[in-house]
Amino acid sequence: MYILMYILVYVSVILIIGVCSDGFDNHRHVRHPASNSLSPSDVILELGQHSIQSEQWNYLRLARYWPQSFCLQARMHVPTISCTVPDFVHDFTVHGLWPTLNTTFGGLSFCNNSWPFNTSTLQSLVPLMTKLWPPLWNNYSLWGHEWSKHGTCALDLPALHGEYRFFAHTLGLHLRYNITRYLSQSNIRPSETQMFSYSSLVGAIWNRIYFIPWVQCIPSKSPRYQLLFQVVLCFDKQLQLIDCESVTYFICDPDQPIQIPPINHPD
């Protein structure tokens, strides 16, 4: 039953996202009509068509991390931590969608403690979330953390109001702007031996979306190169791409080669 549910949800999303992907890859702004349905596929497509009054935040960060680097970073800080990449994960995975003010360091956080995370509203999305947004730490509720810390700060935007809309739209943006594909189209792939320049990574993404991303790195065990950690795309309140402003943490050294470490799955 789980496998069937996953296939139905995943295929329905992929079919609709696939129809629109070329337009988003090659144009600065492409809008889609809002839907009255709340099926997983339709909510994912309901991107932009809303306005809000709040000045609490002014843009969104969509963060996707390279899972192998995430686990390496986790073990650097806590050597005993259990961080593993599931065998079905081969691409960038979702970290989160973060409402942000230009002046804030890490985005707004924990904006509404009266709205606790409720997984019962997400049952139709769970198969897709498990594949695209997997918790890598054992016994760690990544989804609950992302909702409590960031989702509650997006409640004033109708498109992201409530757990279902917040997670569905995040998945939709992740599928529509496929970082793994953008890099591979420029022959940038995980490798133990091949390194890439910072400018080539940024350029590979910019050439597909025509907006400036954040490319973030962490140190490697070798002083000769750094590891690709995370890629962030930025969106306005209509969920349209915008340039990302300069990042102040996990900064890549633009003069040092970058490795994308191959994913090691558990035996």
C-alpha atoms as a PDB file:
ATOM      1  CA  MET A   1       0.000   0.000   0.000  1.00  0.00           C
ATOM      2  CA  TYR A   2       2.840   2.389   0.873  1.00  0.00           C
ATOM      3  CA  ILE A   3       4.579   1.741  -2.440  1.00  0.00           C
ATOM      4  CA  LEU A   4       1.365   2.225  -4.415  1.00  0.00           C
ATOM      5  CA  MET A   5       0.603   5.504  -2.629  1.00  0.00           C
ATOM      6  CA  TYR A   6       4.124   6.756  -3.259  1.00  0.00           C
ATOM      7  CA  ILE A   7       3.934   5.900  -6.967  1.00  0.00           C
ATOM      8  CA  LEU A   8       0.559   7.600  -7.435  1.00  0.00           C
ATOM      9  CA  VAL A   9       1.589  10.808  -5.691  1.00  0.00           C
ATOM     10  CA  TYR A  10       5.046  10.943  -7.239  1.00  0.00           C
ATOM     11  CA  VAL A  11       3.890  10.253 -10.799  1.00  0.00           C
ATOM     12  CA  SER A  12       1.098  12.818 -10.610  1.00  0.00           C
ATOM     13  CA  VAL A  13       3.516  15.491  -9.432  1.00  0.00           C
ATOM     14  CA  ILE A  14       6.217  14.605 -11.942  1.00  0.00           C
ATOM     15  CA  LEU A  15       3.787  14.665 -14.876  1.00  0.00           C
ATOM     16  CA  ILE A  16       2.557  18.150 -14.083  1.00  0.00           C
ATOM     17  CA  ILE A  17       5.947  19.543 -13.107  1.00  0.00           C
ATOM     18  CA  GLY A  18       7.445  18.060 -16.270  1.00  0.00           C
ATOM     19  CA  VAL A  19       5.004  19.962 -18.468  1.00  0.00           C
ATOM     20  CA  CYS A  20       6.122  23.256 -16.951  1.00  0.00           C
ATOM     21  CA  SER A  21       9.824  22.608 -16.343  1.00  0.00           C
ATOM     22  CA  ASP A  22      11.199  23.882 -19.644  1.00  0.00           C
ATOM     23  CA  GLY A  23       9.515  27.219 -19.212  1.00  0.00           C
ATOM     24  CA  PHE A  24      10.960  27.677 -15.771  1.00  0.00           C
ATOM     25  CA  ASP A  25      14.406  26.596 -16.869  1.00  0.00           C
ATOM     26  CA  ASN A  26      14.616  29.151 -19.654  1.00  0.00           C
ATOM     27  CA  HIS A  27      12.543  32.165 -18.615  1.00  0.00           C
ATOM     28  CA  ARG A  28      12.856  34.587 -15.774  1.00  0.00           C
ATOM     29  CA  HIS A  29       9.144  34.594 -14.901  1.00  0.00           C
ATOM     30  CA  VAL A  30       6.481  32.047 -15.765  1.00  0.00           C
ATOM     31  CA  ARG A  31       3.188  32.099 -13.890  1.00  0.00           C
ATOM     32  CA  HIS A  32       0.628  29.359 -13.551  1.00  0.00           C
ATOM     33  CA  PRO A  33      -3.067  29.725 -12.714  1.00  0.00           C
ATOM     34  CA  ALA A  34      -4.182  28.977  -9.191  1.00  0.00           C
ATOM     35  CA  SER A  35      -6.296  25.893  -8.653  1.00  0.00           C
ATOM     36  CA  ASN A  36      -9.379  25.427  -6.540  1.00  0.00           C
ATOM     37  CA  SER A  37      -8.378  21.845  -5.775  1.00  0.00           C
ATOM     38  CA  LEU A  38      -6.233  20.791  -2.852  1.00  0.00           C
ATOM     39  CA  SER A  39      -4.857  17.616  -4.379  1.00  0.00           C
ATOM     40  CA  PRO A  40      -1.073  17.247  -3.938  1.00  0.00           C
ATOM     41  CA  SER A  41      -0.381  17.985  -7.602  1.00  0.00           C
ATOM     42  CA  ASP A  42      -2.642  21.025  -7.831  1.00  0.00           C
ATOM     43  CA  VAL A  43      -1.453  22.663  -4.637  1.00  0.00           C
ATOM     44  CA  ILE A  44       2.129  22.219  -5.798  1.00  0.00           C
ATOM     45  CA  LEU A  45       1.259  24.114  -8.974  1.00  0.00           C
ATOM     46  CA  GLU A  46      -0.496  26.958  -7.164  1.00  0.00           C
ATOM     47  CA  LEU A  47       2.630  29.112  -7.120  1.00  0.00           C
ATOM     48  CA  GLY A  48       2.148  32.850  -6.977  1.00  0.00           C
ATOM     49  CA  GLN A  49      -1.321  34.538  -7.403  1.00  0.00           C
ATOM     50  CA  HIS A  50      -1.421  35.766  -3.790  1.00  0.00           C
ATOM     51  CA  SER A  51      -0.689  38.999  -1.984  1.00  0.00           C
ATOM     52  CA  ILE A  52      -0.126  39.640   1.708  1.00  0.00           C
ATOM     53  CA  GLN A  53      -0.090  42.603   4.053  1.00  0.00           C
ATOM     54  CA  SER A  54       2.641  41.640   6.509  1.00  0.00           C
ATOM     55  CA  GLU A  55       6.065  43.286   6.509  1.00  0.00           C
ATOM     56  CA  GLN A  56       7.451  40.575   8.783  1.00  0.00           C
ATOM     57  CA  TRP A  57       9.575  39.068   6.010  1.00  0.00           C
ATOM     58  CA  ASN A  58      10.301  39.969   2.413  1.00  0.00           C
ATOM     59  CA  TYR A  59      11.691  36.915   0.650  1.00  0.00           C
ATOM     60  CA  LEU A  60      12.094  33.130   0.896  1.00  0.00           C
ATOM     61  CA  ARG A  61      15.159  30.920   0.826  1.00  0.00           C
ATOM     62  CA  LEU A  62      14.797  27.415  -0.591  1.00  0.00           C
ATOM     63  CA  ALA A  63      17.739  25.422   0.766  1.00  0.00           C
ATOM     64  CA  ARG A  64      18.791  22.057  -0.623  1.00  0.00           C
ATOM     65  CA  TYR A  65      21.821  20.292   0.811  1.00  0.00           C
ATOM     66  CA  TRP A  66      24.058  17.644  -0.648  1.00  0.00           C
ATOM     67  CA  PRO A  67      23.263  14.753   1.720  1.00  0.00           C
ATOM     68  CA  GLN A  68      26.755  13.281   1.930  1.00  0.00           C
ATOM     69  CA  SER A  69      28.207  16.658   2.908  1.00  0.00           C
ATOM     70  CA  PHE A  70      25.421  17.167   5.426  1.00  0.00           C
ATOM     71  CA  CYS A  71      26.314  13.932   7.215  1.00  0.00           C
ATOM     72  CA  LEU A  72      30.034  14.720   7.081  1.00  0.00           C
ATOM     73  CA  GLN A  73      29.330  18.121   8.630  1.00  0.00           C
ATOM     74  CA  ALA A  74      27.136  16.550  11.318  1.00  0.00           C
ATOM     75  CA  ARG A  75      29.852  14.065  12.263  1.00  0.00           C
ATOM     76  CA  MET A  76      32.467  16.828  12.413  1.00  0.00           C
ATOM     77  CA  HIS A  77      30.479  18.434  15.208  1.00  0.00           C
ATOM     78  CA  VAL A  78      29.155  15.281  16.894  1.00  0.00           C
ATOM     79  CA  PRO A  79      31.318  12.249  16.005  1.00  0.00           C
ATOM     80  CA  THR A  80      28.866   9.806  17.593  1.00  0.00           C
ATOM     81  CA  ILE A  81      25.839  11.059  15.689  1.00  0.00           C
ATOM     82  CA  SER A  82      23.936   8.606  13.500  1.00  0.00           C
ATOM     83  CA  CYS A  83      23.588  10.290  10.116  1.00  0.00           C
ATOM     84  CA  THR A  84      23.009   8.074   7.100  1.00  0.00           C
ATOM     85  CA  VAL A  85      21.808   8.681   3.556  1.00  0.00           C
ATOM     86  CA  PRO A  86      18.984   6.282   2.588  1.00  0.00           C
ATOM     87  CA  ASP A  87      19.731   4.043  -0.372  1.00  0.00           C
ATOM     88  CA  PHE A  88      16.980   5.686  -2.448  1.00  0.00           C
ATOM     89  CA  VAL A  89      18.592   9.137  -2.203  1.00  0.00           C
ATOM     90  CA  HIS A  90      20.906  10.095  -5.069  1.00  0.00           C
ATOM     91  CA  ASP A  91      20.286  13.832  -5.435  1.00  0.00           C
ATOM     92  CA  PHE A  92      20.133  17.065  -3.480  1.00  0.00           C
ATOM     93  CA  THR A  93      17.456  16.847  -0.803  1.00  0.00           C
ATOM     94  CA  VAL A  94      15.314  19.557   0.728  1.00  0.00           C
ATOM     95  CA  HIS A  95      16.591  21.311   3.820  1.00  0.00           C
ATOM     96  CA  GLY A  96      13.803  23.860   4.100  1.00  0.00           C
ATOM     97  CA  LEU A  97      11.920  26.917   2.876  1.00  0.00           C
ATOM     98  CA  TRP A  98      12.742  29.902   5.065  1.00  0.00           C
ATOM     99  CA  PRO A  99      10.921  33.249   5.285  1.00  0.00           C
ATOM    100  CA  THR A 100      13.628  35.878   5.662  1.00  0.00           C
ATOM    101  CA  LEU A 101      14.170  39.590   6.119  1.00  0.00           C
ATOM    102  CA  ASN A 102      17.125  41.110   4.297  1.00  0.00           C
ATOM    103  CA  THR A 103      18.545  42.143   7.641  1.00  0.00           C
ATOM    104  CA  THR A 104      18.259  38.760   9.406  1.00  0.00           C
ATOM    105  CA  PHE A 105      21.161  36.328   9.649  1.00  0.00           C
ATOM    106  CA  GLY A 106      19.365  32.994   9.422  1.00  0.00           C
ATOM    107  CA  GLY A 107      15.780  33.883   8.653  1.00  0.00           C
ATOM    108  CA  LEU A 108      12.843  34.301  10.985  1.00  0.00           C
ATOM    109  CA  SER A 109      12.108  31.488  13.399  1.00  0.00           C
ATOM    110  CA  PHE A 110       9.469  30.052  15.730  1.00  0.00           C
ATOM    111  CA  CYS A 111       6.825  32.650  14.923  1.00  0.00           C
ATOM    112  CA  ASN A 112       3.711  30.857  16.218  1.00  0.00           C
ATOM    113  CA  ASN A 113       4.026  28.388  19.078  1.00  0.00           C
ATOM    114  CA  SER A 114       0.241  27.968  19.136  1.00  0.00           C
ATOM    115  CA  TRP A 115       0.325  25.974  15.864  1.00  0.00           C
ATOM    116  CA  PRO A 116       2.111  22.667  16.624  1.00  0.00           C
ATOM    117  CA  PHE A 117       3.142  20.346  13.828  1.00  0.00           C
ATOM    118  CA  ASN A 118       0.381  17.920  12.815  1.00  0.00           C
ATOM    119  CA  THR A 119       1.362  15.101  10.468  1.00  0.00           C
ATOM    120  CA  SER A 120      -2.250  13.991   9.967  1.00  0.00           C
ATOM    121  CA  THR A 121      -2.713  16.778   7.407  1.00  0.00           C
ATOM    122  CA  LEU A 122       0.208  15.508   5.311  1.00  0.00           C
ATOM    123  CA  GLN A 123      -0.622  11.848   4.741  1.00  0.00           C
ATOM    124  CA  SER A 124      -0.937  12.187   0.961  1.00  0.00           C
ATOM    125  CA  LEU A 125       2.430  13.984   0.811  1.00  0.00           C
ATOM    126  CA  VAL A 126       4.415  11.725   3.148  1.00  0.00           C
ATOM    127  CA  PRO A 127       5.595   9.264   0.438  1.00  0.00           C
ATOM    128  CA  LEU A 128       7.035  12.117  -1.631  1.00  0.00           C
ATOM    129  CA  MET A 129       8.435  13.900   1.424  1.00  0.00           C
ATOM    130  CA  THR A 130      10.163  10.703   2.507  1.00  0.00           C
ATOM    131  CA  LYS A 131      11.986  10.546  -0.832  1.00  0.00           C
ATOM    132  CA  LEU A 132      12.748  14.223  -1.427  1.00  0.00           C
ATOM    133  CA  TRP A 133      12.942  15.598   2.138  1.00  0.00           C
ATOM    134  CA  PRO A 134      14.284  12.691   4.198  1.00  0.00           C
ATOM    135  CA  PRO A 135      15.483  13.184   7.770  1.00  0.00           C
ATOM    136  CA  LEU A 136      19.100  12.031   7.787  1.00  0.00           C
ATOM    137  CA  TRP A 137      19.564  12.010  11.544  1.00  0.00           C
ATOM    138  CA  ASN A 138      18.005   9.023  13.247  1.00  0.00           C
ATOM    139  CA  ASN A 139      15.137   9.906  15.564  1.00  0.00           C
ATOM    140  CA  TYR A 140      15.171  13.524  14.396  1.00  0.00           C
ATOM    141  CA  SER A 141      11.933  15.163  13.306  1.00  0.00           C
ATOM    142  CA  LEU A 142      13.190  17.335  10.464  1.00  0.00           C
ATOM    143  CA  TRP A 143       9.684  18.049   9.176  1.00  0.00           C
ATOM    144  CA  GLY A 144       8.395  19.072  12.576  1.00  0.00           C
ATOM    145  CA  HIS A 145      11.439  21.264  13.126  1.00  0.00           C
ATOM    146  CA  GLU A 146      11.085  22.973   9.750  1.00  0.00           C
ATOM    147  CA  TRP A 147       7.388  23.638  10.361  1.00  0.00           C
ATOM    148  CA  SER A 148       7.836  24.985  13.888  1.00  0.00           C
ATOM    149  CA  LYS A 149      10.896  27.083  13.060  1.00  0.00           C
ATOM    150  CA  HIS A 150      10.073  28.308   9.546  1.00  0.00           C
ATOM    151  CA  GLY A 151       6.601  27.240   8.432  1.00  0.00           C
ATOM    152  CA  THR A 152       4.931  29.144  11.249  1.00  0.00           C
ATOM    153  CA  CYS A 153       6.621  32.302   9.976  1.00  0.00           C
ATOM    154  CA  ALA A 154       4.977  31.933   6.549  1.00  0.00           C
ATOM    155  CA  LEU A 155       1.363  31.751   7.748  1.00  0.00           C
ATOM    156  CA  ASP A 156       0.572  35.246   6.484  1.00  0.00           C
ATOM    157  CA  LEU A 157       1.148  34.123   2.882  1.00  0.00           C
ATOM    158  CA  PRO A 158      -2.000  32.269   1.704  1.00  0.00           C
ATOM    159  CA  ALA A 159       0.008  29.989  -0.599  1.00  0.00           C
ATOM    160  CA  LEU A 160       1.978  28.699   2.421  1.00  0.00           C
ATOM    161  CA  HIS A 161      -0.710  28.872   5.106  1.00  0.00           C
ATOM    162  CA  GLY A 162      -0.853  25.582   6.993  1.00  0.00           C
ATOM    163  CA  GLU A 163       1.259  22.455   6.955  1.00  0.00           C
ATOM    164  CA  TYR A 164      -0.148  21.026   3.724  1.00  0.00           C
ATOM    165  CA  ARG A 165       0.364  24.120   1.607  1.00  0.00           C
ATOM    166  CA  PHE A 166       3.765  24.867   3.123  1.00  0.00           C
ATOM    167  CA  PHE A 167       5.191  21.412   2.456  1.00  0.00           C
ATOM    168  CA  ALA A 168       3.448  20.916  -0.903  1.00  0.00           C
ATOM    169  CA  HIS A 169       4.713  24.199  -2.315  1.00  0.00           C
ATOM    170  CA  THR A 170       8.217  23.518  -1.013  1.00  0.00           C
ATOM    171  CA  LEU A 171       8.231  20.143  -2.758  1.00  0.00           C
ATOM    172  CA  GLY A 172       6.926  21.774  -5.922  1.00  0.00           C
ATOM    173  CA  LEU A 173       9.695  24.358  -5.965  1.00  0.00           C
ATOM    174  CA  HIS A 174      12.262  21.648  -5.300  1.00  0.00           C
ATOM    175  CA  LEU A 175      11.028  19.563  -8.235  1.00  0.00           C
ATOM    176  CA  ARG A 176      10.680  22.516 -10.567  1.00  0.00           C
ATOM    177  CA  TYR A 177      14.177  23.885  -9.923  1.00  0.00           C
ATOM    178  CA  ASN A 178      16.256  20.705 -10.056  1.00  0.00           C
ATOM    179  CA  ILE A 179      19.774  21.502  -8.840  1.00  0.00           C
ATOM    180  CA  THR A 180      21.127  18.025  -9.575  1.00  0.00           C
ATOM    181  CA  ARG A 181      19.990  18.292 -13.189  1.00  0.00           C
ATOM    182  CA  TYR A 182      21.340  21.818 -13.642  1.00  0.00           C
ATOM    183  CA  LEU A 183      24.795  20.732 -12.488  1.00  0.00           C
ATOM    184  CA  SER A 184      24.854  17.487 -14.472  1.00  0.00           C
ATOM    185  CA  GLN A 185      23.925  19.395 -17.634  1.00  0.00           C
ATOM    186  CA  SER A 186      27.248  21.193 -17.171  1.00  0.00           C
ATOM    187  CA  ASN A 187      29.055  17.894 -16.499  1.00  0.00           C
ATOM    188  CA  ILE A 188      29.296  18.638 -12.799  1.00  0.00           C
ATOM    189  CA  ARG A 189      28.740  15.395 -10.907  1.00  0.00           C
ATOM    190  CA  PRO A 190      29.867  13.770  -7.647  1.00  0.00           C
ATOM    191  CA  SER A 191      33.436  12.520  -7.820  1.00  0.00           C
ATOM    192  CA  GLU A 192      36.224  11.422  -5.506  1.00  0.00           C
ATOM    193  CA  THR A 193      38.846  12.917  -7.801  1.00  0.00           C
ATOM    194  CA  GLN A 194      37.331  15.662  -9.940  1.00  0.00           C
ATOM    195  CA  MET A 195      37.077  19.170  -8.501  1.00  0.00           C
ATOM    196  CA  PHE A 196      35.101  22.167  -9.681  1.00  0.00           C
ATOM    197  CA  SER A 197      35.537  25.902  -9.414  1.00  0.00           C
ATOM    198  CA  TYR A 198      33.113  28.062  -7.482  1.00  0.00           C
ATOM    199  CA  SER A 199      32.337  30.070 -10.603  1.00  0.00           C
ATOM    200  CA  SER A 200      31.507  26.931 -12.600  1.00  0.00           C
ATOM    201  CA  LEU A 201      28.993  25.790  -9.976  1.00  0.00           C
ATOM    202  CA  VAL A 202      27.292  29.172  -9.772  1.00  0.00           C
ATOM    203  CA  GLY A 203      27.381  29.509 -13.551  1.00  0.00           C
ATOM    204  CA  ALA A 204      25.831  26.081 -14.144  1.00  0.00           C
ATOM    205  CA  ILE A 205      22.806  27.078 -12.084  1.00  0.00           C
ATOM    206  CA  TRP A 206      22.592  30.656 -13.349  1.00  0.00           C
ATOM    207  CA  ASN A 207      22.636  29.432 -16.951  1.00  0.00           C
ATOM    208  CA  ARG A 208      19.412  27.528 -16.276  1.00  0.00           C
ATOM    209  CA  ILE A 209      17.417  29.992 -14.155  1.00  0.00           C
ATOM    210  CA  TYR A 210      19.083  33.388 -14.825  1.00  0.00           C
ATOM    211  CA  PHE A 211      19.134  34.288 -11.147  1.00  0.00           C
ATOM    212  CA  ILE A 212      22.053  34.251  -8.726  1.00  0.00           C
ATOM    213  CA  PRO A 213      22.032  31.337  -6.236  1.00  0.00           C
ATOM    214  CA  TRP A 214      23.937  30.831  -3.039  1.00  0.00           C
ATOM    215  CA  VAL A 215      26.462  28.028  -3.240  1.00  0.00           C
ATOM    216  CA  GLN A 216      27.664  27.080   0.230  1.00  0.00           C
ATOM    217  CA  CYS A 217      30.650  24.989   1.290  1.00  0.00           C
ATOM    218  CA  ILE A 218      32.158  23.319   4.330  1.00  0.00           C
ATOM    219  CA  PRO A 219      35.830  22.463   4.962  1.00  0.00           C
ATOM    220  CA  SER A 220      37.157  19.074   3.925  1.00  0.00           C
ATOM    221  CA  LYS A 221      39.771  17.054   5.753  1.00  0.00           C
ATOM    222  CA  SER A 222      42.266  18.307   3.191  1.00  0.00           C
ATOM    223  CA  PRO A 223      43.382  21.945   3.029  1.00  0.00           C
ATOM    224  CA  ARG A 224      43.528  21.626  -0.770  1.00  0.00           C
ATOM    225  CA  TYR A 225      39.773  21.680  -1.399  1.00  0.00           C
ATOM    226  CA  GLN A 226      36.360  22.312   0.149  1.00  0.00           C
ATOM    227  CA  LEU A 227      33.081  20.372  -0.006  1.00  0.00           C
ATOM    228  CA  LEU A 228      29.855  21.518  -1.599  1.00  0.00           C
ATOM    229  CA  PHE A 229      27.338  21.681   1.231  1.00  0.00           C
ATOM    230  CA  GLN A 230      24.183  23.461   0.136  1.00  0.00           C
ATOM    231  CA  VAL A 231      22.564  25.395  -2.693  1.00  0.00           C
ATOM    232  CA  VAL A 232      20.000  28.092  -1.928  1.00  0.00           C
ATOM    233  CA  LEU A 233      17.582  29.723  -4.368  1.00  0.00           C
ATOM    234  CA  CYS A 234      15.634  32.828  -3.405  1.00  0.00           C
ATOM    235  CA  PHE A 235      12.006  33.748  -4.115  1.00  0.00           C
ATOM    236  CA  ASP A 236       9.771  36.758  -3.639  1.00  0.00           C
ATOM    237  CA  LYS A 237       6.343  36.623  -2.004  1.00  0.00           C
ATOM    238  CA  GLN A 238       4.770  35.585  -5.291  1.00  0.00           C
ATOM    239  CA  LEU A 239       7.090  32.548  -5.233  1.00  0.00           C
ATOM    240  CA  GLN A 240       8.985  33.879  -8.246  1.00  0.00           C
ATOM    241  CA  LEU A 241      12.764  33.573  -8.445  1.00  0.00           C
ATOM    242  CA  ILE A 242      14.938  36.529  -7.444  1.00  0.00           C
ATOM    243  CA  ASP A 243      18.690  36.972  -7.025  1.00  0.00           C
ATOM    244  CA  CYS A 244      20.056  35.834  -3.674  1.00  0.00           C
ATOM    245  CA  GLU A 245      21.971  38.436  -1.725  1.00  0.00           C
ATOM    246  CA  SER A 246      25.442  37.655  -0.421  1.00  0.00           C
ATOM    247  CA  VAL A 247      25.607  34.818   2.074  1.00  0.00           C
ATOM    248  CA  THR A 248      27.363  35.201   5.415  1.00  0.00           C
ATOM    249  CA  TYR A 249      27.733  31.585   6.554  1.00  0.00           C
ATOM    250  CA  PHE A 250      29.067  28.353   5.019  1.00  0.00           C
ATOM    251  CA  ILE A 251      30.929  30.655   2.645  1.00  0.00           C
ATOM    252  CA  CYS A 252      32.784  29.039  -0.251  1.00  0.00           C
ATOM    253  CA  ASP A 253      36.320  30.206  -0.909  1.00  0.00           C
ATOM    254  CA  PRO A 254      36.043  31.301  -4.567  1.00  0.00           C
ATOM    255  CA  ASP A 255      39.716  30.494  -5.123  1.00  0.00           C
ATOM    256  CA  GLN A 256      39.662  26.950  -3.740  1.00  0.00           C
ATOM    257  CA  PRO A 257      38.453  23.866  -5.667  1.00  0.00           C
ATOM    258  CA  ILE A 258      35.148  22.305  -4.614  1.00  0.00           C
ATOM    259  CA  GLN A 259      34.411  18.604  -4.376  1.00  0.00           C
ATOM    260  CA  ILE A 260      30.958  17.012  -4.478  1.00  0.00           C
ATOM    261  CA  PRO A 261      31.583  13.837  -2.460  1.00  0.00           C
ATOM    262  CA  PRO A 262      29.863  10.697  -3.787  1.00  0.00           C
ATOM    263  CA  ILE A 263      27.046   9.466  -1.588  1.00  0.00           C
ATOM    264  CA  ASN A 264      27.897   6.495   0.632  1.00  0.00           C
ATOM    265  CA  HIS A 265      24.800   4.454   1.316  1.00  0.00           C
ATOM    266  CA  PRO A 266      24.612   2.108   4.312  1.00  0.00           C
ATOM    267  CA  ASP A 267      25.458  -1.529   3.577  1.00  0.00           C
END
